[in-house]
Amino acid sequence: MKLAYPLSESIRVAMLEAACPPAFMSHSLAAMSTPPIQRCIALQELVKLVDRLGRSKSDVFALRCRNGTESVQFSKPGERLLDLLFLLAADIQLGSRGRRLDPRLHLAFEGAFLYQIPLSLGRIQFDCLIRCEPCKWAAILSGMLDRMRSLMKGKAFVHGLARYRARDTTFMKNLSGYFQKLVAAHPTSEVLRQELYWPTPQGDFDQRGAAAQVHLAFTRWFEMLRGIYGCAFVGHAWQLQRDTDRYYLHLLLVVDGPSKAELLALMECARTVWREVAGPGAFVVDCKRAGVQLKFRGFSKGGAGLDLAAELANAVAFFAFADALISYDFDDLPPTRGYKSLPKTRSYQCAPVQI
């Protein structure tokens, strides 16, 4: 499957729109070549591929000898497995195995670590390594696949996968019910999706402390916008994610009956307030203008021009698959998953933010 989101255009539009600082241009190639939504979709595809390969007994890598020269030949699933591992190199190098992930992703990520697959290299460089030492790399890749198949037969994996599926099914039902109530109560609403990027940290990166700071800053930002627009915000859902060297928040905001001019004014206000709260280097991306859609194979309800119900239905699949702090509905204490010890909104809404 070819991913349908060419990053170059999306990032170019997002940079021009958000007036990103020059420091953003120095991000790693992995971060620049794979936007967050595309990585999330690739993670979903990797889950399905690992599940398929784990149930299959056929080998996806083979050695071929022509004119005395050995080479490695991959089947289509094998090639796609490599493509996805390279696409998700940034996630793997960040230690994604420590997050609350699907157990099948744990197998793929731990296998990449255990067998020391050099994901920091480009695909062309990696292909050169394979041509130079075909037997070595055939053994490495086959060994990784054999280990994944062996672990998938264990009781611990089977029970863990069952718990993961039950938890995600419950979350999807709760979030879907919340969105359905929004559609019934506010049928003329518009969906605004934004990604709020935190400034690139200086020095050592304290993951837990940085996540708490971003959470506090977002709380202040959201309360300030609510103070300006009041009851126009009828609902929202957001998730906290980490990019290669900074945190960002993906926010879905349901606004009751705005005009196009009002939406543009809201976006401009959001950028101004976010820079004020988060400091220099922070910026906001309008996902719709950047061409980033909530489309998942098996979940998407249609193409462009979705109605409110279909767009929120697609959002359910996006948020339910994510593996970070997730919150929705500001009228009651929001349910969360992931970092359980992060500060709650009501207790810390006036706390200062350390930049």
Foldseek 3Di string as FASTA:
>chain_A
DDDDAAQVLLVVLQCVVWVFDPVVVPDDPLPSRADPLRLLQLLVVLLVLLVVLLVDPDFQWDWDADPNAIAIDGHPSRVSLVVSCLNCVLCLVVVVLPFPAQVSVVLSSVLCVVLVQPSSDDPVVSRVVCRVPVVVVSCSVRVSSVVSNVVCPDPVNVVSNVVLVVVLVVLLVVLLVVLVVVCVVFVQKDKWKKKKWFAFDPDDDDPVVQVLLVVLLVLLLVVVLCVVVPCQFPKKKKFWDAGSGTIMMIIITIGHNDDPVVVVVSQVSSQVSSCVRRHPSITMGGCVSSPNALDHVPFQPDDPPDGSSRRSSSVSVSVSNDGGWMFIDPPDFTDTDTPPPRDTSVVNNPPHRDD
